């Protein structure tokens, strides 16, 4: 049986890069995120801002291996990295903290230290 995978070339490249960084920098967090992004779309994570606000502290770096949705408010100054953001979530995060892609987080912190994953 043929294994199916995403046809999105950007997602496939990101998954490949995450696995590479996991091996090079001995950072298992990137392997875990790659595996979660490899799941089918219907099983991928969707996180509301209210959940991020509940579990994060000021100055945290949060990774969401899926999509961030705009339900709720964000009152903490955090950096959120995700595969995708809804428009409202992106605007709300930019008012308080910083919204970046997972690739940008890889460039900033290749060792994966001090990163919280919210699923």
PDB file of N, CA and C in Angstrom:
ATOM      1  N   UNK A   1       0.836  -1.170   0.000  1.00  0.00           N
ATOM      2  CA  UNK A   1       0.000   0.000   0.000  1.00  0.00           C
ATOM      3  C   UNK A   1       0.886   1.241   0.000  1.00  0.00           C
ATOM      4  N   UNK A   2       0.574   2.183  -0.844  1.00  0.00           N
ATOM      5  CA  UNK A   2       1.360   3.397  -0.989  1.00  0.00           C
ATOM      6  C   UNK A   2       1.062   4.353   0.161  1.00  0.00           C
ATOM      7  N   UNK A   3       2.111   4.905   0.741  1.00  0.00           N
ATOM      8  CA  UNK A   3       1.935   5.862   1.825  1.00  0.00           C
ATOM      9  C   UNK A   3       1.605   7.222   1.228  1.00  0.00           C
ATOM     10  N   UNK A   4       0.541   7.824   1.706  1.00  0.00           N
ATOM     11  CA  UNK A   4       0.153   9.132   1.193  1.00  0.00           C
ATOM     12  C   UNK A   4       0.784  10.216   2.041  1.00  0.00           C
ATOM     13  N   UNK A   5       1.020  11.343   1.427  1.00  0.00           N
ATOM     14  CA  UNK A   5       1.567  12.483   2.142  1.00  0.00           C
ATOM     15  C   UNK A   5       1.022  13.748   1.521  1.00  0.00           C
ATOM     16  N   UNK A   6       1.292  14.850   2.148  1.00  0.00           N
ATOM     17  CA  UNK A   6       0.794  16.134   1.688  1.00  0.00           C
ATOM     18  C   UNK A   6       1.349  16.461   0.307  1.00  0.00           C
ATOM     19  N   UNK A   7       0.522  17.097  -0.511  1.00  0.00           N
ATOM     20  CA  UNK A   7       0.993  17.549  -1.816  1.00  0.00           C
ATOM     21  C   UNK A   7       1.498  18.983  -1.752  1.00  0.00           C
ATOM     22  N   UNK A   8       1.375  19.615  -0.589  1.00  0.00           N
ATOM     23  CA  UNK A   8       1.858  20.976  -0.405  1.00  0.00           C
ATOM     24  C   UNK A   8       3.386  20.940  -0.304  1.00  0.00           C
ATOM     25  N   UNK A   9       4.058  21.503  -1.309  1.00  0.00           N
ATOM     26  CA  UNK A   9       5.521  21.405  -1.345  1.00  0.00           C
ATOM     27  C   UNK A   9       6.177  22.182  -0.211  1.00  0.00           C
ATOM     28  N   UNK A  10       5.551  23.257   0.244  1.00  0.00           N
ATOM     29  CA  UNK A  10       6.114  24.037   1.342  1.00  0.00           C
ATOM     30  C   UNK A  10       6.062  23.249   2.647  1.00  0.00           C
ATOM     31  N   UNK A  11       4.967  22.541   2.862  1.00  0.00           N
ATOM     32  CA  UNK A  11       4.841  21.716   4.061  1.00  0.00           C
ATOM     33  C   UNK A  11       5.831  20.556   4.009  1.00  0.00           C
ATOM     34  N   UNK A  12       5.976  19.923   2.866  1.00  0.00           N
ATOM     35  CA  UNK A  12       6.914  18.814   2.731  1.00  0.00           C
ATOM     36  C   UNK A  12       8.348  19.275   2.970  1.00  0.00           C
ATOM     37  N   UNK A  13       8.682  20.474   2.463  1.00  0.00           N
ATOM     38  CA  UNK A  13      10.026  21.018   2.676  1.00  0.00           C
ATOM     39  C   UNK A  13      10.249  21.326   4.165  1.00  0.00           C
ATOM     40  N   UNK A  14       9.222  21.877   4.824  1.00  0.00           N
ATOM     41  CA  UNK A  14       9.333  22.175   6.251  1.00  0.00           C
ATOM     42  C   UNK A  14       9.536  20.894   7.056  1.00  0.00           C
ATOM     43  N   UNK A  15       8.789  19.851   6.756  1.00  0.00           N
ATOM     44  CA  UNK A  15       8.926  18.579   7.468  1.00  0.00           C
ATOM     45  C   UNK A  15      10.335  18.021   7.286  1.00  0.00           C
ATOM     46  N   UNK A  16      10.844  18.080   6.064  1.00  0.00           N
ATOM     47  CA  UNK A  16      12.206  17.610   5.783  1.00  0.00           C
ATOM     48  C   UNK A  16      13.232  18.419   6.587  1.00  0.00           C
ATOM     49  N   UNK A  17      13.063  19.738   6.618  1.00  0.00           N
ATOM     50  CA  UNK A  17      13.986  20.610   7.348  1.00  0.00           C
ATOM     51  C   UNK A  17      13.927  20.339   8.849  1.00  0.00           C
ATOM     52  N   UNK A  18      12.727  20.126   9.379  1.00  0.00           N
ATOM     53  CA  UNK A  18      12.583  19.830  10.808  1.00  0.00           C
ATOM     54  C   UNK A  18      13.317  18.541  11.180  1.00  0.00           C
ATOM     55  N   UNK A  19      13.187  17.510  10.352  1.00  0.00           N
ATOM     56  CA  UNK A  19      13.874  16.243  10.625  1.00  0.00           C
ATOM     57  C   UNK A  19      15.387  16.416  10.551  1.00  0.00           C
ATOM     58  N   UNK A  20      15.837  17.215   9.602  1.00  0.00           N
ATOM     59  CA  UNK A  20      17.272  17.478   9.443  1.00  0.00           C
ATOM     60  C   UNK A  20      17.830  18.195  10.678  1.00  0.00           C
ATOM     61  N   UNK A  21      17.134  19.234  11.144  1.00  0.00           N
ATOM     62  CA  UNK A  21      17.576  19.973  12.333  1.00  0.00           C
ATOM     63  C   UNK A  21      17.534  19.081  13.574  1.00  0.00           C
ATOM     64  N   UNK A  22      16.569  18.182  13.628  1.00  0.00           N
ATOM     65  CA  UNK A  22      16.470  17.267  14.759  1.00  0.00           C
ATOM     66  C   UNK A  22      17.710  16.380  14.844  1.00  0.00           C
ATOM     67  N   UNK A  23      18.173  15.900  13.690  1.00  0.00           N
ATOM     68  CA  UNK A  23      19.379  15.060  13.669  1.00  0.00           C
ATOM     69  C   UNK A  23      20.634  15.884  13.957  1.00  0.00           C
ATOM     70  N   UNK A  24      20.779  17.016  13.273  1.00  0.00           N
ATOM     71  CA  UNK A  24      22.004  17.810  13.383  1.00  0.00           C
ATOM     72  C   UNK A  24      22.219  18.382  14.780  1.00  0.00           C
ATOM     73  N   UNK A  25      21.153  18.885  15.390  1.00  0.00           N
ATOM     74  CA  UNK A  25      21.284  19.557  16.678  1.00  0.00           C
ATOM     75  C   UNK A  25      20.817  18.708  17.853  1.00  0.00           C
ATOM     76  N   UNK A  26      20.506  17.424  17.573  1.00  0.00           N
ATOM     77  CA  UNK A  26      20.042  16.498  18.615  1.00  0.00           C
ATOM     78  C   UNK A  26      18.902  17.119  19.425  1.00  0.00           C
ATOM     79  N   UNK A  27      17.904  17.605  18.694  1.00  0.00           N
ATOM     80  CA  UNK A  27      16.751  18.269  19.303  1.00  0.00           C
ATOM     81  C   UNK A  27      15.485  17.479  18.969  1.00  0.00           C
ATOM     82  N   UNK A  28      15.032  16.610  19.865  1.00  0.00           N
ATOM     83  CA  UNK A  28      13.861  15.782  19.571  1.00  0.00           C
ATOM     84  C   UNK A  28      12.566  16.568  19.390  1.00  0.00           C
ATOM     85  N   UNK A  29      12.523  17.813  19.860  1.00  0.00           N
ATOM     86  CA  UNK A  29      11.302  18.611  19.707  1.00  0.00           C
ATOM     87  C   UNK A  29      10.978  18.822  18.224  1.00  0.00           C
ATOM     88  N   UNK A  30      11.999  19.002  17.386  1.00  0.00           N
ATOM     89  CA  UNK A  30      11.745  19.224  15.952  1.00  0.00           C
ATOM     90  C   UNK A  30      11.212  17.953  15.296  1.00  0.00           C
ATOM     91  N   UNK A  31      11.678  16.776  15.718  1.00  0.00           N
ATOM     92  CA  UNK A  31      11.176  15.507  15.177  1.00  0.00           C
ATOM     93  C   UNK A  31       9.696  15.341  15.539  1.00  0.00           C
ATOM     94  N   UNK A  32       9.347  15.672  16.760  1.00  0.00           N
ATOM     95  CA  UNK A  32       7.959  15.562  17.211  1.00  0.00           C
ATOM     96  C   UNK A  32       7.051  16.492  16.406  1.00  0.00           C
ATOM     97  N   UNK A  33       7.501  17.720  16.183  1.00  0.00           N
ATOM     98  CA  UNK A  33       6.704  18.671  15.402  1.00  0.00           C
ATOM     99  C   UNK A  33       6.558  18.182  13.968  1.00  0.00           C
ATOM    100  N   UNK A  34       7.629  17.626  13.389  1.00  0.00           N
ATOM    101  CA  UNK A  34       7.571  17.096  12.022  1.00  0.00           C
ATOM    102  C   UNK A  34       6.553  15.961  11.921  1.00  0.00           C
ATOM    103  N   UNK A  35       6.533  15.079  12.907  1.00  0.00           N
ATOM    104  CA  UNK A  35       5.577  13.971  12.893  1.00  0.00           C
ATOM    105  C   UNK A  35       4.141  14.476  13.005  1.00  0.00           C
ATOM    106  N   UNK A  36       3.930  15.499  13.819  1.00  0.00           N
ATOM    107  CA  UNK A  36       2.580  16.044  13.968  1.00  0.00           C
ATOM    108  C   UNK A  36       2.125  16.768  12.701  1.00  0.00           C
ATOM    109  N   UNK A  37       3.052  17.419  11.995  1.00  0.00           N
ATOM    110  CA  UNK A  37       2.695  18.087  10.741  1.00  0.00           C
ATOM    111  C   UNK A  37       2.486  17.088   9.607  1.00  0.00           C
ATOM    112  N   UNK A  38       3.028  15.877   9.752  1.00  0.00           N
ATOM    113  CA  UNK A  38       2.883  14.849   8.723  1.00  0.00           C
ATOM    114  C   UNK A  38       1.507  14.189   8.753  1.00  0.00           C
ATOM    115  N   UNK A  39       0.754  14.442   9.777  1.00  0.00           N
ATOM    116  CA  UNK A  39      -0.571  13.838   9.895  1.00  0.00           C
ATOM    117  C   UNK A  39      -1.509  14.365   8.813  1.00  0.00           C
ATOM    118  N   UNK A  40      -2.593  13.639   8.561  1.00  0.00           N
ATOM    119  CA  UNK A  40      -3.602  14.161   7.633  1.00  0.00           C
ATOM    120  C   UNK A  40      -4.198  15.469   8.157  1.00  0.00           C
ATOM    121  N   UNK A  41      -4.714  16.288   7.267  1.00  0.00           N
ATOM    122  CA  UNK A  41      -5.249  17.597   7.634  1.00  0.00           C
ATOM    123  C   UNK A  41      -6.336  17.476   8.697  1.00  0.00           C
ATOM    124  N   UNK A  42      -7.171  16.473   8.602  1.00  0.00           N
ATOM    125  CA  UNK A  42      -8.279  16.338   9.552  1.00  0.00           C
ATOM    126  C   UNK A  42      -7.802  15.988  10.957  1.00  0.00           C
ATOM    127  N   UNK A  43      -6.558  15.506  11.097  1.00  0.00           N
ATOM    128  CA  UNK A  43      -6.013  15.168  12.414  1.00  0.00           C
ATOM    129  C   UNK A  43      -5.003  16.197  12.905  1.00  0.00           C
ATOM    130  N   UNK A  44      -4.793  17.250  12.130  1.00  0.00           N
ATOM    131  CA  UNK A  44      -3.814  18.270  12.501  1.00  0.00           C
ATOM    132  C   UNK A  44      -4.379  19.163  13.606  1.00  0.00           C
ATOM    133  N   UNK A  45      -3.506  19.744  14.382  1.00  0.00           N
ATOM    134  CA  UNK A  45      -3.874  20.525  15.559  1.00  0.00           C
ATOM    135  C   UNK A  45      -4.420  21.893  15.161  1.00  0.00           C
ATOM    136  N   UNK A  46      -5.482  22.317  15.842  1.00  0.00           N
ATOM    137  CA  UNK A  46      -6.008  23.678  15.742  1.00  0.00           C
ATOM    138  C   UNK A  46      -6.142  24.202  17.169  1.00  0.00           C
ATOM    139  N   UNK A  47      -5.480  25.325  17.449  1.00  0.00           N
ATOM    140  CA  UNK A  47      -5.422  25.859  18.807  1.00  0.00           C
ATOM    141  C   UNK A  47      -5.985  27.272  18.812  1.00  0.00           C
ATOM    142  N   UNK A  48      -6.867  27.555  19.764  1.00  0.00           N
ATOM    143  CA  UNK A  48      -7.400  28.904  19.934  1.00  0.00           C
ATOM    144  C   UNK A  48      -6.462  29.744  20.792  1.00  0.00           C
ATOM    145  N   UNK A  49      -6.569  31.053  20.638  1.00  0.00           N
ATOM    146  CA  UNK A  49      -5.739  31.970  21.423  1.00  0.00           C
ATOM    147  C   UNK A  49      -5.999  31.827  22.918  1.00  0.00           C
ATOM    148  N   UNK A  50      -7.231  31.493  23.285  1.00  0.00           N
ATOM    149  CA  UNK A  50      -7.550  31.344  24.709  1.00  0.00           C
ATOM    150  C   UNK A  50      -6.720  30.229  25.346  1.00  0.00           C
ATOM    151  N   UNK A  51      -6.448  29.157  24.614  1.00  0.00           N
ATOM    152  CA  UNK A  51      -5.624  28.065  25.150  1.00  0.00           C
ATOM    153  C   UNK A  51      -4.165  28.513  25.304  1.00  0.00           C
ATOM    154  N   UNK A  52      -3.667  29.250  24.317  1.00  0.00           N
ATOM    155  CA  UNK A  52      -2.297  29.771  24.414  1.00  0.00           C
ATOM    156  C   UNK A  52      -2.188  30.692  25.620  1.00  0.00           C
ATOM    157  N   UNK A  53      -3.178  31.559  25.799  1.00  0.00           N
ATOM    158  CA  UNK A  53      -3.176  32.499  26.922  1.00  0.00           C
ATOM    159  C   UNK A  53      -3.208  31.767  28.263  1.00  0.00           C
ATOM    160  N   UNK A  54      -3.926  30.649  28.320  1.00  0.00           N
ATOM    161  CA  UNK A  54      -4.073  29.882  29.556  1.00  0.00           C
ATOM    162  C   UNK A  54      -2.762  29.188  29.959  1.00  0.00           C
ATOM    163  N   UNK A  55      -1.995  28.694  28.980  1.00  0.00           N
ATOM    164  CA  UNK A  55      -0.817  27.877  29.289  1.00  0.00           C
ATOM    165  C   UNK A  55       0.513  28.614  29.187  1.00  0.00           C
ATOM    166  N   UNK A  56       0.533  29.820  28.643  1.00  0.00           N
ATOM    167  CA  UNK A  56       1.799  30.533  28.426  1.00  0.00           C
ATOM    168  C   UNK A  56       2.051  31.567  29.514  1.00  0.00           C
ATOM    169  N   UNK A  57       3.301  31.911  29.658  1.00  0.00           N
ATOM    170  CA  UNK A  57       3.717  32.999  30.539  1.00  0.00           C
ATOM    171  C   UNK A  57       4.391  34.066  29.679  1.00  0.00           C
ATOM    172  N   UNK A  58       4.557  35.253  30.229  1.00  0.00           N
ATOM    173  CA  UNK A  58       5.217  36.327  29.484  1.00  0.00           C
ATOM    174  C   UNK A  58       6.620  35.901  29.061  1.00  0.00           C
ATOM    175  N   UNK A  59       6.958  36.162  27.810  1.00  0.00           N
ATOM    176  CA  UNK A  59       8.283  35.853  27.289  1.00  0.00           C
ATOM    177  C   UNK A  59       8.452  34.448  26.752  1.00  0.00           C
ATOM    178  N   UNK A  60       7.426  33.605  26.834  1.00  0.00           N
ATOM    179  CA  UNK A  60       7.524  32.234  26.332  1.00  0.00           C
ATOM    180  C   UNK A  60       7.561  32.201  24.809  1.00  0.00           C
ATOM    181  N   UNK A  61       8.154  31.127  24.295  1.00  0.00           N
ATOM    182  CA  UNK A  61       8.122  30.838  22.863  1.00  0.00           C
ATOM    183  C   UNK A  61       7.227  29.616  22.703  1.00  0.00           C
ATOM    184  N   UNK A  62       6.122  29.793  21.991  1.00  0.00           N
ATOM    185  CA  UNK A  62       5.110  28.753  21.829  1.00  0.00           C
ATOM    186  C   UNK A  62       5.148  28.245  20.394  1.00  0.00           C
ATOM    187  N   UNK A  63       5.104  26.914  20.216  1.00  0.00           N
ATOM    188  CA  UNK A  63       5.025  26.316  18.888  1.00  0.00           C
ATOM    189  C   UNK A  63       3.713  25.565  18.781  1.00  0.00           C
ATOM    190  N   UNK A  64       2.997  25.801  17.681  1.00  0.00           N
ATOM    191  CA  UNK A  64       1.759  25.086  17.398  1.00  0.00           C
ATOM    192  C   UNK A  64       1.964  24.336  16.084  1.00  0.00           C
ATOM    193  N   UNK A  65       2.023  22.997  16.114  1.00  0.00           N
ATOM    194  CA  UNK A  65       2.215  22.235  14.882  1.00  0.00           C
ATOM    195  C   UNK A  65       0.901  22.083  14.116  1.00  0.00           C
ATOM    196  N   UNK A  66       0.353  23.195  13.706  1.00  0.00           N
ATOM    197  CA  UNK A  66      -0.922  23.232  13.006  1.00  0.00           C
ATOM    198  C   UNK A  66      -1.340  24.669  12.817  1.00  0.00           C
ATOM    199  N   UNK A  67      -2.621  24.946  13.070  1.00  0.00           N
ATOM    200  CA  UNK A  67      -3.167  26.272  12.826  1.00  0.00           C
ATOM    201  C   UNK A  67      -3.581  26.939  14.135  1.00  0.00           C
ATOM    202  N   UNK A  68      -3.343  28.248  14.221  1.00  0.00           N
ATOM    203  CA  UNK A  68      -3.781  29.041  15.369  1.00  0.00           C
ATOM    204  C   UNK A  68      -5.042  29.786  14.964  1.00  0.00           C
ATOM    205  N   UNK A  69      -6.099  29.640  15.771  1.00  0.00           N
ATOM    206  CA  UNK A  69      -7.380  30.280  15.492  1.00  0.00           C
ATOM    207  C   UNK A  69      -7.583  31.459  16.439  1.00  0.00           C
ATOM    208  N   UNK A  70      -8.444  32.388  16.056  1.00  0.00           N
ATOM    209  CA  UNK A  70      -8.563  33.660  16.762  1.00  0.00           C
ATOM    210  C   UNK A  70      -9.584  33.739  17.870  1.00  0.00           C
ATOM    211  N   UNK A  71     -10.134  32.633  18.333  1.00  0.00           N
ATOM    212  CA  UNK A  71     -11.126  32.680  19.392  1.00  0.00           C
ATOM    213  C   UNK A  71     -10.448  32.953  20.731  1.00  0.00           C
ATOM    214  N   UNK A  72     -10.939  33.939  21.446  1.00  0.00           N
ATOM    215  CA  UNK A  72     -10.363  34.302  22.731  1.00  0.00           C
ATOM    216  C   UNK A  72      -9.457  35.510  22.600  1.00  0.00           C
ATOM    217  N   UNK A  73      -8.816  35.844  23.702  1.00  0.00           N
ATOM    218  CA  UNK A  73      -7.907  36.990  23.715  1.00  0.00           C
ATOM    219  C   UNK A  73      -6.533  36.532  24.177  1.00  0.00           C
ATOM    220  N   UNK A  74      -5.547  37.337  23.852  1.00  0.00           N
ATOM    221  CA  UNK A  74      -4.177  37.061  24.269  1.00  0.00           C
ATOM    222  C   UNK A  74      -3.691  38.258  25.064  1.00  0.00           C
ATOM    223  N   UNK A  75      -3.393  38.042  26.340  1.00  0.00           N
ATOM    224  CA  UNK A  75      -2.970  39.147  27.198  1.00  0.00           C
ATOM    225  C   UNK A  75      -1.507  39.024  27.612  1.00  0.00           C
ATOM    226  N   UNK A  76      -0.819  38.011  27.120  1.00  0.00           N
ATOM    227  CA  UNK A  76       0.577  37.800  27.493  1.00  0.00           C
ATOM    228  C   UNK A  76       1.486  38.074  26.300  1.00  0.00           C
ATOM    229  N   UNK A  77       2.653  38.623  26.592  1.00  0.00           N
ATOM    230  CA  UNK A  77       3.620  38.932  25.542  1.00  0.00           C
ATOM    231  C   UNK A  77       4.408  37.663  25.229  1.00  0.00           C
ATOM    232  N   UNK A  78       3.986  36.955  24.185  1.00  0.00           N
ATOM    233  CA  UNK A  78       4.620  35.698  23.800  1.00  0.00           C
ATOM    234  C   UNK A  78       4.978  35.732  22.315  1.00  0.00           C
ATOM    235  N   UNK A  79       5.867  34.831  21.936  1.00  0.00           N
ATOM    236  CA  UNK A  79       6.190  34.608  20.534  1.00  0.00           C
ATOM    237  C   UNK A  79       5.522  33.303  20.139  1.00  0.00           C
ATOM    238  N   UNK A  80       4.659  33.354  19.121  1.00  0.00           N
ATOM    239  CA  UNK A  80       3.926  32.176  18.681  1.00  0.00           C
ATOM    240  C   UNK A  80       4.414  31.794  17.295  1.00  0.00           C
ATOM    241  N   UNK A  81       4.870  30.546  17.155  1.00  0.00           N
ATOM    242  CA  UNK A  81       5.289  30.010  15.864  1.00  0.00           C
ATOM    243  C   UNK A  81       4.308  28.912  15.480  1.00  0.00           C
ATOM    244  N   UNK A  82       3.821  28.944  14.243  1.00  0.00           N
ATOM    245  CA  UNK A  82       2.853  27.948  13.801  1.00  0.00           C
ATOM    246  C   UNK A  82       2.969  27.739  12.304  1.00  0.00           C
ATOM    247  N   UNK A  83       2.346  26.641  11.838  1.00  0.00           N
ATOM    248  CA  UNK A  83       2.295  26.379  10.405  1.00  0.00           C
ATOM    249  C   UNK A  83       1.403  27.406   9.718  1.00  0.00           C
ATOM    250  N   UNK A  84       0.247  27.695  10.322  1.00  0.00           N
ATOM    251  CA  UNK A  84      -0.676  28.684   9.762  1.00  0.00           C
ATOM    252  C   UNK A  84      -1.354  29.458  10.881  1.00  0.00           C
ATOM    253  N   UNK A  85      -1.813  30.660  10.517  1.00  0.00           N
ATOM    254  CA  UNK A  85      -2.586  31.506  11.425  1.00  0.00           C
ATOM    255  C   UNK A  85      -3.849  31.947  10.702  1.00  0.00           C
ATOM    256  N   UNK A  86      -4.966  32.018  11.433  1.00  0.00           N
ATOM    257  CA  UNK A  86      -6.136  32.675  10.856  1.00  0.00           C
ATOM    258  C   UNK A  86      -5.853  34.173  10.875  1.00  0.00           C
ATOM    259  N   UNK A  87      -6.562  34.917  10.055  1.00  0.00           N
ATOM    260  CA  UNK A  87      -6.314  36.358   9.963  1.00  0.00           C
ATOM    261  C   UNK A  87      -6.530  37.045  11.310  1.00  0.00           C
ATOM    262  N   UNK A  88      -7.625  36.698  11.991  1.00  0.00           N
ATOM    263  CA  UNK A  88      -7.919  37.351  13.273  1.00  0.00           C
ATOM    264  C   UNK A  88      -6.882  36.974  14.337  1.00  0.00           C
ATOM    265  N   UNK A  89      -6.428  35.721  14.339  1.00  0.00           N
ATOM    266  CA  UNK A  89      -5.411  35.309  15.309  1.00  0.00           C
ATOM    267  C   UNK A  89      -4.106  36.051  15.057  1.00  0.00           C
ATOM    268  N   UNK A  90      -3.725  36.184  13.801  1.00  0.00           N
ATOM    269  CA  UNK A  90      -2.480  36.876  13.452  1.00  0.00           C
ATOM    270  C   UNK A  90      -2.512  38.323  13.934  1.00  0.00           C
ATOM    271  N   UNK A  91      -3.644  38.991  13.709  1.00  0.00           N
ATOM    272  CA  UNK A  91      -3.768  40.393  14.123  1.00  0.00           C
ATOM    273  C   UNK A  91      -3.736  40.532  15.643  1.00  0.00           C
ATOM    274  N   UNK A  92      -4.424  39.631  16.354  1.00  0.00           N
ATOM    275  CA  UNK A  92      -4.442  39.703  17.818  1.00  0.00           C
ATOM    276  C   UNK A  92      -3.062  39.423  18.413  1.00  0.00           C
ATOM    277  N   UNK A  93      -2.341  38.480  17.842  1.00  0.00           N
ATOM    278  CA  UNK A  93      -1.005  38.160  18.353  1.00  0.00           C
ATOM    279  C   UNK A  93      -0.055  39.319  18.097  1.00  0.00           C
ATOM    280  N   UNK A  94      -0.139  39.931  16.918  1.00  0.00           N
ATOM    281  CA  UNK A  94       0.761  41.039  16.570  1.00  0.00           C
ATOM    282  C   UNK A  94       0.560  42.256  17.475  1.00  0.00           C
ATOM    283  N   UNK A  95      -0.649  42.433  18.011  1.00  0.00           N
ATOM    284  CA  UNK A  95      -0.900  43.557  18.920  1.00  0.00           C
ATOM    285  C   UNK A  95      -0.146  43.397  20.235  1.00  0.00           C
ATOM    286  N   UNK A  96      -0.015  42.159  20.709  1.00  0.00           N
ATOM    287  CA  UNK A  96       0.562  41.906  22.024  1.00  0.00           C
ATOM    288  C   UNK A  96       1.984  41.341  21.934  1.00  0.00           C
ATOM    289  N   UNK A  97       2.180  40.368  21.057  1.00  0.00           N
ATOM    290  CA  UNK A  97       3.465  39.678  20.985  1.00  0.00           C
ATOM    291  C   UNK A  97       3.977  39.598  19.564  1.00  0.00           C
ATOM    292  N   UNK A  98       4.426  38.402  19.189  1.00  0.00           N
ATOM    293  CA  UNK A  98       5.030  38.204  17.880  1.00  0.00           C
ATOM    294  C   UNK A  98       4.522  36.895  17.285  1.00  0.00           C
ATOM    295  N   UNK A  99       4.143  36.931  16.004  1.00  0.00           N
ATOM    296  CA  UNK A  99       3.697  35.744  15.280  1.00  0.00           C
ATOM    297  C   UNK A  99       4.709  35.453  14.182  1.00  0.00           C
ATOM    298  N   UNK A 100       5.320  34.257  14.225  1.00  0.00           N
ATOM    299  CA  UNK A 100       6.328  33.888  13.238  1.00  0.00           C
ATOM    300  C   UNK A 100       6.032  32.492  12.700  1.00  0.00           C
ATOM    301  N   UNK A 101       6.707  32.136  11.624  1.00  0.00           N
ATOM    302  CA  UNK A 101       6.569  30.791  11.077  1.00  0.00           C
ATOM    303  C   UNK A 101       7.504  29.847  11.829  1.00  0.00           C
ATOM    304  N   UNK A 102       7.275  28.563  11.652  1.00  0.00           N
ATOM    305  CA  UNK A 102       8.143  27.571  12.287  1.00  0.00           C
ATOM    306  C   UNK A 102       9.541  27.645  11.680  1.00  0.00           C
ATOM    307  N   UNK A 103       9.641  27.938  10.389  1.00  0.00           N
ATOM    308  CA  UNK A 103      10.958  28.078   9.747  1.00  0.00           C
ATOM    309  C   UNK A 103      11.766  29.212  10.378  1.00  0.00           C
ATOM    310  N   UNK A 104      11.100  30.324  10.676  1.00  0.00           N
ATOM    311  CA  UNK A 104      11.783  31.446  11.318  1.00  0.00           C
ATOM    312  C   UNK A 104      12.272  31.048  12.710  1.00  0.00           C
ATOM    313  N   UNK A 105      11.471  30.283  13.438  1.00  0.00           N
ATOM    314  CA  UNK A 105      11.884  29.814  14.760  1.00  0.00           C
ATOM    315  C   UNK A 105      13.087  28.877  14.651  1.00  0.00           C
ATOM    316  N   UNK A 106      13.120  28.043  13.615  1.00  0.00           N
ATOM    317  CA  UNK A 106      14.270  27.162  13.396  1.00  0.00           C
ATOM    318  C   UNK A 106      15.551  27.973  13.206  1.00  0.00           C
ATOM    319  N   UNK A 107      15.455  29.060  12.452  1.00  0.00           N
ATOM    320  CA  UNK A 107      16.635  29.901  12.227  1.00  0.00           C
ATOM    321  C   UNK A 107      17.086  30.580  13.520  1.00  0.00           C
ATOM    322  N   UNK A 108      16.134  31.006  14.339  1.00  0.00           N
ATOM    323  CA  UNK A 108      16.472  31.702  15.585  1.00  0.00           C
ATOM    324  C   UNK A 108      16.986  30.761  16.667  1.00  0.00           C
ATOM    325  N   UNK A 109      16.399  29.565  16.746  1.00  0.00           N
ATOM    326  CA  UNK A 109      16.698  28.648  17.842  1.00  0.00           C
ATOM    327  C   UNK A 109      16.840  27.220  17.303  1.00  0.00           C
ATOM    328  N   UNK A 110      17.947  26.898  16.629  1.00  0.00           N
ATOM    329  CA  UNK A 110      18.080  25.569  16.032  1.00  0.00           C
ATOM    330  C   UNK A 110      18.160  24.437  17.052  1.00  0.00           C
ATOM    331  N   UNK A 111      18.558  24.733  18.279  1.00  0.00           N
ATOM    332  CA  UNK A 111      18.657  23.675  19.286  1.00  0.00           C
ATOM    333  C   UNK A 111      17.302  23.327  19.895  1.00  0.00           C
ATOM    334  N   UNK A 112      16.306  24.183  19.706  1.00  0.00           N
ATOM    335  CA  UNK A 112      14.963  23.901  20.208  1.00  0.00           C
ATOM    336  C   UNK A 112      14.817  24.056  21.709  1.00  0.00           C
ATOM    337  N   UNK A 113      15.720  24.778  22.346  1.00  0.00           N
ATOM    338  CA  UNK A 113      15.643  24.936  23.798  1.00  0.00           C
ATOM    339  C   UNK A 113      14.627  26.016  24.164  1.00  0.00           C
ATOM    340  N   UNK A 114      14.011  25.852  25.316  1.00  0.00           N
ATOM    341  CA  UNK A 114      13.018  26.801  25.849  1.00  0.00           C
ATOM    342  C   UNK A 114      11.850  27.032  24.897  1.00  0.00           C
ATOM    343  N   UNK A 115      11.366  25.966  24.290  1.00  0.00           N
ATOM    344  CA  UNK A 115      10.225  26.037  23.381  1.00  0.00           C
ATOM    345  C   UNK A 115       9.104  25.204  23.982  1.00  0.00           C
ATOM    346  N   UNK A 116       7.915  25.791  24.069  1.00  0.00           N
ATOM    347  CA  UNK A 116       6.744  25.068  24.560  1.00  0.00           C
ATOM    348  C   UNK A 116       5.856  24.721  23.376  1.00  0.00           C
ATOM    349  N   UNK A 117       5.429  23.463  23.303  1.00  0.00           N
ATOM    350  CA  UNK A 117       4.527  23.049  22.240  1.00  0.00           C
ATOM    351  C   UNK A 117       3.127  22.918  22.829  1.00  0.00           C
ATOM    352  N   UNK A 118       2.168  23.556  22.180  1.00  0.00           N
ATOM    353  CA  UNK A 118       0.776  23.470  22.611  1.00  0.00           C
ATOM    354  C   UNK A 118       0.001  22.748  21.526  1.00  0.00           C
ATOM    355  N   UNK A 119      -0.682  21.677  21.928  1.00  0.00           N
ATOM    356  CA  UNK A 119      -1.464  20.895  20.965  1.00  0.00           C
ATOM    357  C   UNK A 119      -2.910  20.845  21.378  1.00  0.00           C
TER     358      UNK A 119
END
